[in-house]
Amino acid sequence: MSPTIEVDEQTYRSIEFAARMGSTTAGEVVARLVRTASVPSSASTVTSKEDMETGGKVGVYADYEGHRTRGSYDQDTKRIDITSGPLAGQSFKTPTGAARAVVTHYKPDVNPNRNGWSFWMLDDRSGGLLQSVRYST
């Protein structure tokens, strides 16, 4: 038997609605909320404002199909190097190429076309999209 949590009726309806909208389960909605609110597991993945202002590498992550994939975005070359998960060690010329690889890995039966600039999030606790640093150098 799985552990359970108690929520009020309105919260439960909201979670169920989010699950229907995302074609997933209520449990996965809660799991995603918890992962999103959690502090990164490694301080080394958090990007400093100084790094973003001077170019260099920026920590990024993507949550897809219940999996978090972390990477490093190079502001000079525009490459993303995957640093966690099954694709760790792979490098992609563009954020879009990296996004497509993540989608293809976790859901090979869907069209992998994604906009990498909006697929990847900054790993600086801001919740910002990679798009927000696209032209900052």
N, C-alpha and C. Protein backbone atom coordinates (compact mmCIF):
# COMPACT_ATOMS: atom_id res chain seq x y z
N MET A 1 0.85 -1.19 0.00
CA MET A 1 0.00 0.00 0.00
C MET A 1 0.88 1.24 0.00
N SER A 2 0.53 2.21 -0.81
CA SER A 2 1.29 3.45 -0.91
C SER A 2 0.93 4.39 0.23
N PRO A 3 1.87 5.21 0.66
CA PRO A 3 1.54 6.23 1.66
C PRO A 3 0.48 7.17 1.11
N THR A 4 -0.27 7.77 1.97
CA THR A 4 -1.32 8.71 1.55
C THR A 4 -1.11 10.05 2.22
N ILE A 5 -1.69 11.10 1.62
CA ILE A 5 -1.70 12.42 2.23
C ILE A 5 -3.15 12.88 2.25
N GLU A 6 -3.48 13.73 3.20
CA GLU A 6 -4.83 14.28 3.28
C GLU A 6 -4.82 15.72 2.81
N VAL A 7 -5.77 16.07 1.94
CA VAL A 7 -5.95 17.44 1.47
C VAL A 7 -7.43 17.77 1.52
N ASP A 8 -7.74 19.05 1.55
CA ASP A 8 -9.15 19.43 1.56
C ASP A 8 -9.76 19.18 0.17
N GLU A 9 -11.07 19.22 0.10
CA GLU A 9 -11.79 18.89 -1.13
C GLU A 9 -11.40 19.79 -2.30
N GLN A 10 -11.29 21.09 -2.06
CA GLN A 10 -10.93 22.02 -3.13
C GLN A 10 -9.53 21.74 -3.68
N THR A 11 -8.59 21.46 -2.79
CA THR A 11 -7.24 21.13 -3.23
C THR A 11 -7.24 19.86 -4.05
N TYR A 12 -8.00 18.86 -3.60
CA TYR A 12 -8.07 17.61 -4.35
C TYR A 12 -8.66 17.84 -5.75
N ARG A 13 -9.71 18.64 -5.85
CA ARG A 13 -10.30 18.93 -7.16
C ARG A 13 -9.28 19.64 -8.06
N SER A 14 -8.51 20.55 -7.48
CA SER A 14 -7.49 21.26 -8.25
C SER A 14 -6.41 20.30 -8.75
N ILE A 15 -5.99 19.38 -7.90
CA ILE A 15 -4.97 18.40 -8.30
C ILE A 15 -5.52 17.49 -9.39
N GLU A 16 -6.74 17.04 -9.25
CA GLU A 16 -7.36 16.19 -10.27
C GLU A 16 -7.49 16.94 -11.60
N PHE A 17 -7.86 18.21 -11.54
CA PHE A 17 -7.97 19.01 -12.76
C PHE A 17 -6.61 19.13 -13.44
N ALA A 18 -5.57 19.43 -12.65
CA ALA A 18 -4.22 19.53 -13.22
C ALA A 18 -3.80 18.20 -13.83
N ALA A 19 -4.16 17.10 -13.21
CA ALA A 19 -3.81 15.78 -13.74
C ALA A 19 -4.51 15.54 -15.08
N ARG A 20 -5.78 15.89 -15.17
CA ARG A 20 -6.50 15.72 -16.44
C ARG A 20 -5.89 16.59 -17.53
N MET A 21 -5.54 17.82 -17.19
CA MET A 21 -4.97 18.75 -18.17
C MET A 21 -3.60 18.27 -18.65
N GLY A 22 -2.87 17.61 -17.78
CA GLY A 22 -1.54 17.13 -18.13
C GLY A 22 -1.49 15.69 -18.55
N SER A 23 -2.66 15.06 -18.69
CA SER A 23 -2.74 13.64 -19.05
C SER A 23 -1.83 12.79 -18.16
N THR A 24 -1.96 13.00 -16.87
CA THR A 24 -1.14 12.27 -15.90
C THR A 24 -1.99 11.92 -14.69
N THR A 25 -1.37 11.49 -13.63
CA THR A 25 -2.10 11.11 -12.42
C THR A 25 -2.00 12.21 -11.36
N ALA A 26 -2.91 12.14 -10.40
CA ALA A 26 -2.87 13.10 -9.29
C ALA A 26 -1.55 12.95 -8.53
N GLY A 27 -1.10 11.73 -8.35
CA GLY A 27 0.17 11.50 -7.66
C GLY A 27 1.34 12.14 -8.37
N GLU A 28 1.35 12.07 -9.70
CA GLU A 28 2.44 12.69 -10.46
C GLU A 28 2.38 14.21 -10.36
N VAL A 29 1.18 14.78 -10.31
CA VAL A 29 1.06 16.24 -10.13
C VAL A 29 1.69 16.65 -8.81
N VAL A 30 1.37 15.92 -7.74
CA VAL A 30 1.93 16.23 -6.43
C VAL A 30 3.45 16.04 -6.45
N ALA A 31 3.91 14.95 -7.06
CA ALA A 31 5.35 14.69 -7.12
C ALA A 31 6.08 15.82 -7.86
N ARG A 32 5.50 16.30 -8.95
CA ARG A 32 6.12 17.40 -9.69
C ARG A 32 6.17 18.67 -8.86
N LEU A 33 5.09 18.95 -8.13
CA LEU A 33 5.07 20.13 -7.27
C LEU A 33 6.16 20.05 -6.21
N VAL A 34 6.32 18.88 -5.63
CA VAL A 34 7.34 18.69 -4.60
C VAL A 34 8.73 18.86 -5.20
N ARG A 35 8.97 18.24 -6.37
CA ARG A 35 10.29 18.38 -7.02
C ARG A 35 10.58 19.83 -7.37
N THR A 36 9.58 20.53 -7.85
CA THR A 36 9.77 21.92 -8.25
C THR A 36 10.10 22.80 -7.05
N ALA A 37 9.48 22.50 -5.93
CA ALA A 37 9.69 23.30 -4.72
C ALA A 37 10.94 22.90 -3.95
N SER A 38 11.51 21.75 -4.28
CA SER A 38 12.68 21.25 -3.56
C SER A 38 13.93 22.02 -3.93
N VAL A 39 14.83 22.10 -2.99
CA VAL A 39 16.13 22.73 -3.21
C VAL A 39 16.96 21.80 -4.08
N PRO A 40 17.75 22.33 -5.02
CA PRO A 40 18.61 21.47 -5.84
C PRO A 40 19.48 20.59 -4.96
N SER A 41 19.74 19.37 -5.43
CA SER A 41 20.49 18.41 -4.64
C SER A 41 21.96 18.75 -4.54
N SER A 42 22.47 19.58 -5.40
CA SER A 42 23.89 19.91 -5.37
C SER A 42 24.07 21.40 -5.57
N ALA A 43 24.77 22.04 -4.65
CA ALA A 43 24.98 23.48 -4.76
C ALA A 43 25.76 23.83 -6.02
N SER A 44 26.51 22.88 -6.55
CA SER A 44 27.31 23.17 -7.73
C SER A 44 26.46 23.38 -8.98
N THR A 45 25.19 22.96 -8.94
CA THR A 45 24.35 23.15 -10.11
C THR A 45 23.68 24.51 -10.12
N VAL A 46 23.74 25.23 -9.00
CA VAL A 46 23.09 26.53 -8.93
C VAL A 46 23.99 27.56 -9.60
N THR A 47 23.39 28.34 -10.46
CA THR A 47 24.13 29.33 -11.24
C THR A 47 24.14 30.66 -10.51
N SER A 48 25.29 31.29 -10.43
CA SER A 48 25.36 32.59 -9.78
C SER A 48 25.03 33.68 -10.80
N LYS A 49 24.58 34.83 -10.28
CA LYS A 49 24.30 35.96 -11.17
C LYS A 49 25.57 36.40 -11.87
N GLU A 50 26.70 36.29 -11.19
CA GLU A 50 27.98 36.67 -11.79
C GLU A 50 28.26 35.82 -13.03
N ASP A 51 28.00 34.50 -12.94
CA ASP A 51 28.21 33.63 -14.10
C ASP A 51 27.35 34.08 -15.27
N MET A 52 26.10 34.44 -15.00
CA MET A 52 25.20 34.83 -16.08
C MET A 52 25.62 36.17 -16.69
N GLU A 53 26.15 37.06 -15.87
CA GLU A 53 26.51 38.38 -16.38
C GLU A 53 27.82 38.35 -17.17
N THR A 54 28.70 37.40 -16.86
CA THR A 54 30.01 37.37 -17.51
C THR A 54 30.11 36.30 -18.58
N GLY A 55 29.01 35.69 -18.94
CA GLY A 55 29.06 34.58 -19.90
C GLY A 55 29.42 33.32 -19.15
N GLY A 56 29.94 32.35 -19.85
CA GLY A 56 30.31 31.12 -19.18
C GLY A 56 29.17 30.14 -19.14
N LYS A 57 29.21 29.27 -18.15
CA LYS A 57 28.23 28.19 -18.07
C LYS A 57 27.12 28.51 -17.08
N VAL A 58 25.93 28.09 -17.45
CA VAL A 58 24.74 28.33 -16.65
C VAL A 58 24.08 26.97 -16.37
N GLY A 59 23.79 26.69 -15.10
CA GLY A 59 23.09 25.47 -14.75
C GLY A 59 21.65 25.53 -15.23
N VAL A 60 21.18 24.46 -15.85
CA VAL A 60 19.80 24.37 -16.33
C VAL A 60 19.22 23.01 -15.97
N TYR A 61 17.90 22.92 -16.03
CA TYR A 61 17.24 21.63 -15.85
C TYR A 61 15.95 21.61 -16.64
N ALA A 62 15.47 20.40 -16.88
CA ALA A 62 14.18 20.22 -17.53
C ALA A 62 13.45 19.10 -16.82
N ASP A 63 12.17 19.31 -16.55
CA ASP A 63 11.33 18.26 -15.99
C ASP A 63 10.44 17.75 -17.11
N TYR A 64 10.54 16.46 -17.39
CA TYR A 64 9.74 15.87 -18.46
C TYR A 64 9.35 14.46 -18.07
N GLU A 65 8.07 14.18 -18.15
CA GLU A 65 7.53 12.85 -17.85
C GLU A 65 7.98 12.35 -16.48
N GLY A 66 8.01 13.26 -15.51
CA GLY A 66 8.34 12.87 -14.14
C GLY A 66 9.82 12.71 -13.87
N HIS A 67 10.65 13.12 -14.80
CA HIS A 67 12.10 13.00 -14.64
C HIS A 67 12.75 14.37 -14.76
N ARG A 68 13.68 14.64 -13.87
CA ARG A 68 14.44 15.89 -13.96
C ARG A 68 15.80 15.58 -14.60
N THR A 69 16.11 16.33 -15.64
CA THR A 69 17.40 16.22 -16.32
C THR A 69 18.13 17.53 -16.11
N ARG A 70 19.34 17.45 -15.60
CA ARG A 70 20.15 18.64 -15.37
C ARG A 70 21.21 18.77 -16.45
N GLY A 71 21.59 20.00 -16.70
CA GLY A 71 22.62 20.25 -17.70
C GLY A 71 23.34 21.55 -17.43
N SER A 72 24.27 21.84 -18.31
CA SER A 72 25.06 23.06 -18.24
C SER A 72 24.98 23.73 -19.61
N TYR A 73 24.52 24.97 -19.62
CA TYR A 73 24.40 25.74 -20.86
C TYR A 73 25.60 26.67 -20.99
N ASP A 74 26.30 26.58 -22.09
CA ASP A 74 27.46 27.43 -22.34
C ASP A 74 26.99 28.66 -23.12
N GLN A 75 27.06 29.81 -22.49
CA GLN A 75 26.56 31.04 -23.12
C GLN A 75 27.38 31.46 -24.33
N ASP A 76 28.61 31.02 -24.41
CA ASP A 76 29.45 31.39 -25.55
C ASP A 76 29.17 30.51 -26.76
N THR A 77 29.08 29.21 -26.56
CA THR A 77 28.89 28.29 -27.69
C THR A 77 27.44 27.92 -27.93
N LYS A 78 26.56 28.20 -26.93
CA LYS A 78 25.13 27.87 -26.97
C LYS A 78 24.87 26.36 -26.81
N ARG A 79 25.88 25.59 -26.41
CA ARG A 79 25.75 24.14 -26.23
C ARG A 79 25.13 23.83 -24.87
N ILE A 80 24.48 22.67 -24.80
CA ILE A 80 24.04 22.13 -23.53
C ILE A 80 24.71 20.78 -23.34
N ASP A 81 25.38 20.64 -22.19
CA ASP A 81 25.97 19.37 -21.78
C ASP A 81 25.08 18.79 -20.70
N ILE A 82 24.57 17.59 -20.92
CA ILE A 82 23.71 16.93 -19.95
C ILE A 82 24.58 16.38 -18.82
N THR A 83 24.18 16.68 -17.57
CA THR A 83 25.00 16.28 -16.42
C THR A 83 24.34 15.26 -15.50
N SER A 84 23.08 14.92 -15.75
CA SER A 84 22.43 13.93 -14.90
C SER A 84 21.46 13.08 -15.72
N GLY A 85 21.13 11.94 -15.16
CA GLY A 85 20.16 11.06 -15.80
C GLY A 85 20.78 10.20 -16.89
N PRO A 86 19.93 9.49 -17.62
CA PRO A 86 20.41 8.55 -18.63
C PRO A 86 21.18 9.19 -19.78
N LEU A 87 21.00 10.49 -20.00
CA LEU A 87 21.70 11.17 -21.09
C LEU A 87 22.97 11.87 -20.61
N ALA A 88 23.34 11.69 -19.34
CA ALA A 88 24.52 12.36 -18.78
C ALA A 88 25.75 12.06 -19.63
N GLY A 89 26.52 13.11 -19.86
CA GLY A 89 27.73 12.97 -20.65
C GLY A 89 27.55 13.34 -22.11
N GLN A 90 26.31 13.47 -22.54
CA GLN A 90 26.05 13.86 -23.93
C GLN A 90 26.04 15.38 -24.05
N SER A 91 26.48 15.86 -25.20
CA SER A 91 26.56 17.29 -25.46
C SER A 91 25.78 17.59 -26.73
N PHE A 92 25.07 18.71 -26.73
CA PHE A 92 24.21 19.09 -27.85
C PHE A 92 24.55 20.50 -28.31
N LYS A 93 24.53 20.70 -29.61
CA LYS A 93 24.90 22.00 -30.19
C LYS A 93 23.94 23.11 -29.82
N THR A 94 22.67 22.73 -29.55
CA THR A 94 21.65 23.74 -29.25
C THR A 94 20.76 23.26 -28.11
N PRO A 95 20.11 24.19 -27.40
CA PRO A 95 19.14 23.80 -26.39
C PRO A 95 18.00 22.96 -26.99
N THR A 96 17.61 23.27 -28.22
CA THR A 96 16.53 22.51 -28.88
C THR A 96 16.96 21.07 -29.14
N GLY A 97 18.19 20.87 -29.58
CA GLY A 97 18.68 19.51 -29.79
C GLY A 97 18.68 18.71 -28.50
N ALA A 98 19.07 19.35 -27.40
CA ALA A 98 19.08 18.67 -26.10
C ALA A 98 17.65 18.36 -25.65
N ALA A 99 16.73 19.30 -25.88
CA ALA A 99 15.33 19.09 -25.50
C ALA A 99 14.75 17.90 -26.27
N ARG A 100 15.03 17.84 -27.56
CA ARG A 100 14.52 16.74 -28.39
C ARG A 100 15.06 15.41 -27.89
N ALA A 101 16.32 15.37 -27.47
CA ALA A 101 16.90 14.13 -26.97
C ALA A 101 16.20 13.67 -25.70
N VAL A 102 15.89 14.60 -24.81
CA VAL A 102 15.18 14.26 -23.57
C VAL A 102 13.80 13.69 -23.89
N VAL A 103 13.07 14.38 -24.76
CA VAL A 103 11.73 13.92 -25.13
C VAL A 103 11.80 12.54 -25.78
N THR A 104 12.72 12.36 -26.71
CA THR A 104 12.86 11.07 -27.40
C THR A 104 13.21 9.96 -26.43
N HIS A 105 14.04 10.26 -25.45
CA HIS A 105 14.43 9.22 -24.49
C HIS A 105 13.23 8.77 -23.65
N TYR A 106 12.47 9.72 -23.13
CA TYR A 106 11.39 9.37 -22.21
C TYR A 106 10.08 9.03 -22.89
N LYS A 107 9.84 9.55 -24.10
CA LYS A 107 8.60 9.27 -24.82
C LYS A 107 8.91 9.11 -26.30
N PRO A 108 9.49 7.99 -26.68
CA PRO A 108 9.92 7.83 -28.07
C PRO A 108 8.77 7.83 -29.09
N ASP A 109 7.55 7.63 -28.64
CA ASP A 109 6.42 7.57 -29.56
C ASP A 109 5.80 8.93 -29.88
N VAL A 110 6.30 10.01 -29.25
CA VAL A 110 5.73 11.33 -29.53
C VAL A 110 6.69 12.13 -30.41
N ASN A 111 6.16 13.12 -31.08
CA ASN A 111 6.97 14.02 -31.89
C ASN A 111 7.88 14.81 -30.93
N PRO A 112 9.20 14.74 -31.11
CA PRO A 112 10.10 15.38 -30.15
C PRO A 112 10.33 16.87 -30.35
N ASN A 113 9.68 17.46 -31.34
CA ASN A 113 9.93 18.88 -31.61
C ASN A 113 9.56 19.73 -30.40
N ARG A 114 10.53 20.46 -29.90
CA ARG A 114 10.36 21.35 -28.76
C ARG A 114 11.22 22.59 -28.99
N ASN A 115 10.81 23.69 -28.38
CA ASN A 115 11.63 24.88 -28.38
C ASN A 115 12.54 24.78 -27.15
N GLY A 116 13.81 24.57 -27.37
CA GLY A 116 14.75 24.38 -26.27
C GLY A 116 14.86 25.57 -25.35
N TRP A 117 14.64 26.76 -25.86
CA TRP A 117 14.75 27.97 -25.04
C TRP A 117 13.66 28.03 -23.97
N SER A 118 12.50 27.42 -24.25
CA SER A 118 11.43 27.40 -23.25
C SER A 118 11.31 26.04 -22.55
N PHE A 119 12.02 25.02 -23.03
CA PHE A 119 12.01 23.69 -22.42
C PHE A 119 12.91 23.66 -21.18
N TRP A 120 14.05 24.33 -21.26
CA TRP A 120 15.04 24.33 -20.17
C TRP A 120 14.79 25.49 -19.22
N MET A 121 14.95 25.21 -17.92
CA MET A 121 14.78 26.21 -16.86
C MET A 121 16.14 26.53 -16.26
N LEU A 122 16.32 27.74 -15.77
CA LEU A 122 17.55 28.11 -15.08
C LEU A 122 17.60 27.41 -13.73
N ASP A 123 18.73 26.84 -13.40
CA ASP A 123 18.88 26.14 -12.13
C ASP A 123 19.46 27.10 -11.09
N ASP A 124 18.76 28.23 -10.91
CA ASP A 124 19.22 29.25 -9.97
C ASP A 124 18.12 29.60 -8.97
N ARG A 125 17.11 28.76 -8.90
CA ARG A 125 15.96 28.93 -8.00
C ARG A 125 15.03 30.07 -8.42
N SER A 126 15.26 30.66 -9.60
CA SER A 126 14.41 31.77 -10.05
C SER A 126 13.16 31.28 -10.76
N GLY A 127 13.20 30.07 -11.28
CA GLY A 127 12.09 29.57 -12.08
C GLY A 127 12.09 30.14 -13.49
N GLY A 128 13.16 30.85 -13.85
CA GLY A 128 13.22 31.48 -15.16
C GLY A 128 13.54 30.49 -16.27
N LEU A 129 13.09 30.83 -17.45
CA LEU A 129 13.39 30.02 -18.64
C LEU A 129 14.79 30.33 -19.15
N LEU A 130 15.40 29.36 -19.81
CA LEU A 130 16.70 29.59 -20.44
C LEU A 130 16.61 30.79 -21.39
N GLN A 131 15.46 30.97 -22.01
CA GLN A 131 15.22 32.11 -22.91
C GLN A 131 15.65 33.44 -22.29
N SER A 132 15.51 33.54 -20.96
CA SER A 132 15.79 34.82 -20.30
C SER A 132 17.27 35.21 -20.33
N VAL A 133 18.17 34.28 -20.60
CA VAL A 133 19.60 34.61 -20.69
C VAL A 133 20.12 34.44 -22.12
N ARG A 134 19.23 34.22 -23.05
CA ARG A 134 19.63 33.93 -24.42
C ARG A 134 20.51 35.03 -25.03
N TYR A 135 20.16 36.27 -24.80
CA TYR A 135 20.90 37.38 -25.41
C TYR A 135 21.66 38.21 -24.39
N SER A 136 21.98 37.61 -23.25
CA SER A 136 22.60 38.40 -22.17
C SER A 136 24.10 38.57 -22.33
N THR A 137 24.71 37.92 -23.33
CA THR A 137 26.17 38.08 -23.47
C THR A 137 26.49 38.93 -24.68
